[in-house]
Amino acid sequence: MAVMVRENRGRAAELLTVRQVLDELGGISRRTFYRWRELRLAPPCIRLPNGELRVRRDVLNDWLEERAEGASS
């Protein structure tokens, strides 16, 4: 289940669970995702007070665009 939070400008930002991010990335394993986090290759995450991680939808989309083949640097 995605969670919505308010951004500074009043827009709602969708927060994705790790499972949702894994699915968006074509079903990569949880282990791969956490390894990417260790290597600082994963999209930036938000750690909630309960310890769970969330990724903002817009941050994930930007992260994917930066990695697209042929993307300008």
PDB file of N, CA and C in Angstrom:
ATOM      1  N   MET A   1       0.837  -1.175   0.000  1.00  0.00           N
ATOM      2  CA  MET A   1       0.000   0.000   0.000  1.00  0.00           C
ATOM      3  C   MET A   1       0.879   1.234   0.000  1.00  0.00           C
ATOM      4  N   ALA A   2       0.668   2.121  -0.951  1.00  0.00           N
ATOM      5  CA  ALA A   2       1.406   3.374  -1.017  1.00  0.00           C
ATOM      6  C   ALA A   2       0.806   4.372  -0.047  1.00  0.00           C
ATOM      7  N   VAL A   3       1.654   5.196   0.509  1.00  0.00           N
ATOM      8  CA  VAL A   3       1.241   6.212   1.472  1.00  0.00           C
ATOM      9  C   VAL A   3       1.425   7.560   0.814  1.00  0.00           C
ATOM     10  N   MET A   4       0.533   8.480   1.089  1.00  0.00           N
ATOM     11  CA  MET A   4       0.641   9.828   0.550  1.00  0.00           C
ATOM     12  C   MET A   4       1.088  10.769   1.659  1.00  0.00           C
ATOM     13  N   VAL A   5       2.027  11.656   1.350  1.00  0.00           N
ATOM     14  CA  VAL A   5       2.460  12.684   2.289  1.00  0.00           C
ATOM     15  C   VAL A   5       2.428  14.024   1.579  1.00  0.00           C
ATOM     16  N   ARG A   6       2.328  15.066   2.352  1.00  0.00           N
ATOM     17  CA  ARG A   6       2.307  16.415   1.781  1.00  0.00           C
ATOM     18  C   ARG A   6       3.717  16.908   1.522  1.00  0.00           C
ATOM     19  N   GLU A   7       3.923  17.479   0.341  1.00  0.00           N
ATOM     20  CA  GLU A   7       5.185  18.131   0.030  1.00  0.00           C
ATOM     21  C   GLU A   7       5.089  19.570   0.499  1.00  0.00           C
ATOM     22  N   ASN A   8       6.208  20.271   0.457  1.00  0.00           N
ATOM     23  CA  ASN A   8       6.238  21.665   0.900  1.00  0.00           C
ATOM     24  C   ASN A   8       5.279  22.551   0.115  1.00  0.00           C
ATOM     25  N   ARG A   9       5.072  22.259  -1.137  1.00  0.00           N
ATOM     26  CA  ARG A   9       4.221  23.096  -1.979  1.00  0.00           C
ATOM     27  C   ARG A   9       2.771  22.664  -1.961  1.00  0.00           C
ATOM     28  N   GLY A  10       2.407  21.787  -1.041  1.00  0.00           N
ATOM     29  CA  GLY A  10       1.020  21.382  -0.918  1.00  0.00           C
ATOM     30  C   GLY A  10       0.629  20.174  -1.752  1.00  0.00           C
ATOM     31  N   ARG A  11       1.503  19.729  -2.649  1.00  0.00           N
ATOM     32  CA  ARG A  11       1.197  18.548  -3.453  1.00  0.00           C
ATOM     33  C   ARG A  11       1.387  17.303  -2.616  1.00  0.00           C
ATOM     34  N   ALA A  12       0.673  16.267  -2.974  1.00  0.00           N
ATOM     35  CA  ALA A  12       0.827  14.993  -2.266  1.00  0.00           C
ATOM     36  C   ALA A  12       1.896  14.162  -2.967  1.00  0.00           C
ATOM     37  N   ALA A  13       2.831  13.615  -2.198  1.00  0.00           N
ATOM     38  CA  ALA A  13       3.883  12.751  -2.734  1.00  0.00           C
ATOM     39  C   ALA A  13       3.571  11.319  -2.336  1.00  0.00           C
ATOM     40  N   GLU A  14       3.643  10.432  -3.306  1.00  0.00           N
ATOM     41  CA  GLU A  14       3.378   9.030  -3.023  1.00  0.00           C
ATOM     42  C   GLU A  14       4.643   8.379  -2.468  1.00  0.00           C
ATOM     43  N   LEU A  15       4.502   7.677  -1.351  1.00  0.00           N
ATOM     44  CA  LEU A  15       5.613   6.942  -0.762  1.00  0.00           C
ATOM     45  C   LEU A  15       5.422   5.461  -1.053  1.00  0.00           C
ATOM     46  N   LEU A  16       6.430   4.857  -1.671  1.00  0.00           N
ATOM     47  CA  LEU A  16       6.365   3.451  -2.046  1.00  0.00           C
ATOM     48  C   LEU A  16       7.096   2.594  -1.021  1.00  0.00           C
ATOM     49  N   THR A  17       6.579   1.413  -0.770  1.00  0.00           N
ATOM     50  CA  THR A  17       7.259   0.447   0.088  1.00  0.00           C
ATOM     51  C   THR A  17       8.419  -0.167  -0.686  1.00  0.00           C
ATOM     52  N   VAL A  18       9.305  -0.836   0.020  1.00  0.00           N
ATOM     53  CA  VAL A  18      10.412  -1.522  -0.650  1.00  0.00           C
ATOM     54  C   VAL A  18       9.857  -2.559  -1.627  1.00  0.00           C
ATOM     55  N   ARG A  19       8.844  -3.298  -1.237  1.00  0.00           N
ATOM     56  CA  ARG A  19       8.237  -4.303  -2.125  1.00  0.00           C
ATOM     57  C   ARG A  19       7.743  -3.654  -3.418  1.00  0.00           C
ATOM     58  N   GLN A  20       7.090  -2.493  -3.320  1.00  0.00           N
ATOM     59  CA  GLN A  20       6.602  -1.809  -4.512  1.00  0.00           C
ATOM     60  C   GLN A  20       7.761  -1.362  -5.401  1.00  0.00           C
ATOM     61  N   VAL A  21       8.837  -0.894  -4.788  1.00  0.00           N
ATOM     62  CA  VAL A  21      10.011  -0.483  -5.566  1.00  0.00           C
ATOM     63  C   VAL A  21      10.613  -1.692  -6.272  1.00  0.00           C
ATOM     64  N   LEU A  22      10.718  -2.815  -5.564  1.00  0.00           N
ATOM     65  CA  LEU A  22      11.255  -4.029  -6.184  1.00  0.00           C
ATOM     66  C   LEU A  22      10.425  -4.427  -7.397  1.00  0.00           C
ATOM     67  N   ASP A  23       9.109  -4.354  -7.268  1.00  0.00           N
ATOM     68  CA  ASP A  23       8.224  -4.677  -8.386  1.00  0.00           C
ATOM     69  C   ASP A  23       8.420  -3.704  -9.541  1.00  0.00           C
ATOM     70  N   GLU A  24       8.543  -2.412  -9.218  1.00  0.00           N
ATOM     71  CA  GLU A  24       8.746  -1.379 -10.257  1.00  0.00           C
ATOM     72  C   GLU A  24      10.051  -1.624 -11.021  1.00  0.00           C
ATOM     73  N   LEU A  25      11.033  -2.179 -10.325  1.00  0.00           N
ATOM     74  CA  LEU A  25      12.339  -2.425 -10.941  1.00  0.00           C
ATOM     75  C   LEU A  25      12.416  -3.794 -11.604  1.00  0.00           C
ATOM     76  N   GLY A  26      11.284  -4.372 -11.873  1.00  0.00           N
ATOM     77  CA  GLY A  26      11.239  -5.629 -12.606  1.00  0.00           C
ATOM     78  C   GLY A  26      11.398  -6.861 -11.737  1.00  0.00           C
ATOM     79  N   GLY A  27      11.128  -6.719 -10.447  1.00  0.00           N
ATOM     80  CA  GLY A  27      11.173  -7.880  -9.574  1.00  0.00           C
ATOM     81  C   GLY A  27      12.562  -8.224  -9.062  1.00  0.00           C
ATOM     82  N   ILE A  28      13.443  -7.226  -8.927  1.00  0.00           N
ATOM     83  CA  ILE A  28      14.761  -7.525  -8.352  1.00  0.00           C
ATOM     84  C   ILE A  28      14.589  -8.042  -6.931  1.00  0.00           C
ATOM     85  N   SER A  29      15.588  -8.717  -6.429  1.00  0.00           N
ATOM     86  CA  SER A  29      15.476  -9.280  -5.086  1.00  0.00           C
ATOM     87  C   SER A  29      15.682  -8.200  -4.023  1.00  0.00           C
ATOM     88  N   ARG A  30      15.120  -8.474  -2.858  1.00  0.00           N
ATOM     89  CA  ARG A  30      15.299  -7.577  -1.708  1.00  0.00           C
ATOM     90  C   ARG A  30      16.786  -7.470  -1.369  1.00  0.00           C
ATOM     91  N   ARG A  31      17.499  -8.591  -1.469  1.00  0.00           N
ATOM     92  CA  ARG A  31      18.927  -8.590  -1.175  1.00  0.00           C
ATOM     93  C   ARG A  31      19.687  -7.657  -2.120  1.00  0.00           C
ATOM     94  N   THR A  32      19.343  -7.699  -3.412  1.00  0.00           N
ATOM     95  CA  THR A  32      19.983  -6.801  -4.383  1.00  0.00           C
ATOM     96  C   THR A  32      19.715  -5.354  -4.019  1.00  0.00           C
ATOM     97  N   PHE A  33      18.466  -5.036  -3.679  1.00  0.00           N
ATOM     98  CA  PHE A  33      18.121  -3.658  -3.325  1.00  0.00           C
ATOM     99  C   PHE A  33      18.946  -3.187  -2.130  1.00  0.00           C
ATOM    100  N   TYR A  34      19.047  -3.997  -1.083  1.00  0.00           N
ATOM    101  CA  TYR A  34      19.806  -3.585   0.098  1.00  0.00           C
ATOM    102  C   TYR A  34      21.301  -3.521  -0.185  1.00  0.00           C
ATOM    103  N   ARG A  35      21.777  -4.354  -1.093  1.00  0.00           N
ATOM    104  CA  ARG A  35      23.180  -4.260  -1.508  1.00  0.00           C
ATOM    105  C   ARG A  35      23.411  -2.938  -2.231  1.00  0.00           C
ATOM    106  N   TRP A  36      22.494  -2.571  -3.114  1.00  0.00           N
ATOM    107  CA  TRP A  36      22.592  -1.274  -3.789  1.00  0.00           C
ATOM    108  C   TRP A  36      22.607  -0.146  -2.772  1.00  0.00           C
ATOM    109  N   ARG A  37      21.801  -0.274  -1.708  1.00  0.00           N
ATOM    110  CA  ARG A  37      21.797   0.761  -0.658  1.00  0.00           C
ATOM    111  C   ARG A  37      23.163   0.859   0.008  1.00  0.00           C
ATOM    112  N   GLU A  38      23.775  -0.295   0.310  1.00  0.00           N
ATOM    113  CA  GLU A  38      25.108  -0.298   0.917  1.00  0.00           C
ATOM    114  C   GLU A  38      26.127   0.403   0.019  1.00  0.00           C
ATOM    115  N   LEU A  39      25.986   0.195  -1.279  1.00  0.00           N
ATOM    116  CA  LEU A  39      26.907   0.779  -2.260  1.00  0.00           C
ATOM    117  C   LEU A  39      26.485   2.187  -2.693  1.00  0.00           C
ATOM    118  N   ARG A  40      25.402   2.673  -2.127  1.00  0.00           N
ATOM    119  CA  ARG A  40      24.842   3.993  -2.473  1.00  0.00           C
ATOM    120  C   ARG A  40      24.460   4.083  -3.950  1.00  0.00           C
ATOM    121  N   LEU A  41      23.917   2.979  -4.470  1.00  0.00           N
ATOM    122  CA  LEU A  41      23.447   2.930  -5.854  1.00  0.00           C
ATOM    123  C   LEU A  41      21.926   2.960  -5.945  1.00  0.00           C
ATOM    124  N   ALA A  42      21.253   2.700  -4.838  1.00  0.00           N
ATOM    125  CA  ALA A  42      19.785   2.648  -4.811  1.00  0.00           C
ATOM    126  C   ALA A  42      19.218   4.065  -4.752  1.00  0.00           C
ATOM    127  N   PRO A  43      17.941   4.202  -5.084  1.00  0.00           N
ATOM    128  CA  PRO A  43      17.319   5.519  -4.939  1.00  0.00           C
ATOM    129  C   PRO A  43      17.287   5.919  -3.460  1.00  0.00           C
ATOM    130  N   PRO A  44      17.367   7.217  -3.167  1.00  0.00           N
ATOM    131  CA  PRO A  44      17.312   7.677  -1.781  1.00  0.00           C
ATOM    132  C   PRO A  44      16.017   7.235  -1.107  1.00  0.00           C
ATOM    133  N   CYS A  45      16.131   6.812   0.144  1.00  0.00           N
ATOM    134  CA  CYS A  45      14.992   6.308   0.908  1.00  0.00           C
ATOM    135  C   CYS A  45      14.712   7.195   2.110  1.00  0.00           C
ATOM    136  N   ILE A  46      13.503   7.068   2.606  1.00  0.00           N
ATOM    137  CA  ILE A  46      13.080   7.711   3.845  1.00  0.00           C
ATOM    138  C   ILE A  46      12.880   6.602   4.864  1.00  0.00           C
ATOM    139  N   ARG A  47      13.500   6.736   6.043  1.00  0.00           N
ATOM    140  CA  ARG A  47      13.296   5.750   7.101  1.00  0.00           C
ATOM    141  C   ARG A  47      12.223   6.287   8.046  1.00  0.00           C
ATOM    142  N   LEU A  48      11.150   5.538   8.161  1.00  0.00           N
ATOM    143  CA  LEU A  48      10.053   5.925   9.037  1.00  0.00           C
ATOM    144  C   LEU A  48      10.410   5.630  10.495  1.00  0.00           C
ATOM    145  N   PRO A  49       9.691   6.239  11.445  1.00  0.00           N
ATOM    146  CA  PRO A  49       9.973   5.991  12.863  1.00  0.00           C
ATOM    147  C   PRO A  49       9.915   4.512  13.251  1.00  0.00           C
ATOM    148  N   ASN A  50       9.134   3.715  12.526  1.00  0.00           N
ATOM    149  CA  ASN A  50       9.050   2.283  12.839  1.00  0.00           C
ATOM    150  C   ASN A  50      10.179   1.478  12.189  1.00  0.00           C
ATOM    151  N   GLY A  51      11.095   2.153  11.508  1.00  0.00           N
ATOM    152  CA  GLY A  51      12.243   1.507  10.892  1.00  0.00           C
ATOM    153  C   GLY A  51      12.048   1.089   9.451  1.00  0.00           C
ATOM    154  N   GLU A  52      10.816   1.140   8.960  1.00  0.00           N
ATOM    155  CA  GLU A  52      10.558   0.752   7.573  1.00  0.00           C
ATOM    156  C   GLU A  52      11.054   1.836   6.619  1.00  0.00           C
ATOM    157  N   LEU A  53      11.386   1.411   5.396  1.00  0.00           N
ATOM    158  CA  LEU A  53      11.855   2.336   4.371  1.00  0.00           C
ATOM    159  C   LEU A  53      10.740   2.658   3.392  1.00  0.00           C
ATOM    160  N   ARG A  54      10.780   3.873   2.883  1.00  0.00           N
ATOM    161  CA  ARG A  54       9.878   4.291   1.817  1.00  0.00           C
ATOM    162  C   ARG A  54      10.699   5.062   0.787  1.00  0.00           C
ATOM    163  N   VAL A  55      10.245   5.021  -0.455  1.00  0.00           N
ATOM    164  CA  VAL A  55      10.860   5.777  -1.540  1.00  0.00           C
ATOM    165  C   VAL A  55       9.771   6.635  -2.160  1.00  0.00           C
ATOM    166  N   ARG A  56      10.048   7.908  -2.293  1.00  0.00           N
ATOM    167  CA  ARG A  56       9.069   8.794  -2.933  1.00  0.00           C
ATOM    168  C   ARG A  56       8.969   8.446  -4.414  1.00  0.00           C
ATOM    169  N   ARG A  57       7.759   8.430  -4.932  1.00  0.00           N
ATOM    170  CA  ARG A  57       7.516   8.092  -6.346  1.00  0.00           C
ATOM    171  C   ARG A  57       8.323   9.002  -7.267  1.00  0.00           C
ATOM    172  N   ASP A  58       8.315  10.317  -7.017  1.00  0.00           N
ATOM    173  CA  ASP A  58       9.032  11.240  -7.895  1.00  0.00           C
ATOM    174  C   ASP A  58      10.544  11.014  -7.829  1.00  0.00           C
ATOM    175  N   VAL A  59      11.062  10.647  -6.662  1.00  0.00           N
ATOM    176  CA  VAL A  59      12.494  10.364  -6.519  1.00  0.00           C
ATOM    177  C   VAL A  59      12.851   9.095  -7.303  1.00  0.00           C
ATOM    178  N   LEU A  60      12.012   8.071  -7.212  1.00  0.00           N
ATOM    179  CA  LEU A  60      12.253   6.848  -7.974  1.00  0.00           C
ATOM    180  C   LEU A  60      12.228   7.127  -9.475  1.00  0.00           C
ATOM    181  N   ASN A  61      11.254   7.890  -9.921  1.00  0.00           N
ATOM    182  CA  ASN A  61      11.164   8.217 -11.349  1.00  0.00           C
ATOM    183  C   ASN A  61      12.401   8.974 -11.827  1.00  0.00           C
ATOM    184  N   ASP A  62      12.860   9.951 -11.030  1.00  0.00           N
ATOM    185  CA  ASP A  62      14.068  10.710 -11.393  1.00  0.00           C
ATOM    186  C   ASP A  62      15.286   9.787 -11.422  1.00  0.00           C
ATOM    187  N   TRP A  63      15.379   8.906 -10.435  1.00  0.00           N
ATOM    188  CA  TRP A  63      16.494   7.956 -10.351  1.00  0.00           C
ATOM    189  C   TRP A  63      16.527   7.065 -11.587  1.00  0.00           C
ATOM    190  N   LEU A  64      15.362   6.600 -12.019  1.00  0.00           N
ATOM    191  CA  LEU A  64      15.289   5.756 -13.211  1.00  0.00           C
ATOM    192  C   LEU A  64      15.679   6.533 -14.468  1.00  0.00           C
ATOM    193  N   GLU A  65      15.215   7.766 -14.578  1.00  0.00           N
ATOM    194  CA  GLU A  65      15.552   8.590 -15.746  1.00  0.00           C
ATOM    195  C   GLU A  65      17.051   8.836 -15.846  1.00  0.00           C
ATOM    196  N   GLU A  66      17.699   9.038 -14.700  1.00  0.00           N
ATOM    197  CA  GLU A  66      19.147   9.265 -14.686  1.00  0.00           C
ATOM    198  C   GLU A  66      19.915   8.045 -15.181  1.00  0.00           C
ATOM    199  N   ARG A  67      19.320   6.862 -15.066  1.00  0.00           N
ATOM    200  CA  ARG A  67      19.987   5.636 -15.448  1.00  0.00           C
ATOM    201  C   ARG A  67      19.577   5.110 -16.822  1.00  0.00           C
ATOM    202  N   ALA A  68      18.696   5.818 -17.482  1.00  0.00           N
ATOM    203  CA  ALA A  68      18.253   5.380 -18.808  1.00  0.00           C
ATOM    204  C   ALA A  68      19.409   5.435 -19.800  1.00  0.00           C
ATOM    205  N   GLU A  69      19.501   4.428 -20.643  1.00  0.00           N
ATOM    206  CA  GLU A  69      20.544   4.423 -21.666  1.00  0.00           C
ATOM    207  C   GLU A  69      20.357   5.640 -22.557  1.00  0.00           C
ATOM    208  N   GLY A  70      21.460   6.275 -22.846  1.00  0.00           N
ATOM    209  CA  GLY A  70      21.411   7.466 -23.693  1.00  0.00           C
ATOM    210  C   GLY A  70      21.055   8.730 -22.933  1.00  0.00           C
ATOM    211  N   ALA A  71      20.912   8.634 -21.608  1.00  0.00           N
ATOM    212  CA  ALA A  71      20.611   9.818 -20.804  1.00  0.00           C
ATOM    213  C   ALA A  71      21.829  10.727 -20.807  1.00  0.00           C
ATOM    214  N   SER A  72      21.573  12.012 -20.962  1.00  0.00           N
ATOM    215  CA  SER A  72      22.685  12.962 -20.958  1.00  0.00           C
ATOM    216  C   SER A  72      23.184  13.189 -19.542  1.00  0.00           C
ATOM    217  N   SER A  73      24.475  13.353 -19.404  1.00  0.00           N
ATOM    218  CA  SER A  73      25.076  13.525 -18.066  1.00  0.00           C
ATOM    219  C   SER A  73      25.197  14.976 -17.717  1.00  0.00           C
TER     220      SER A  73
END
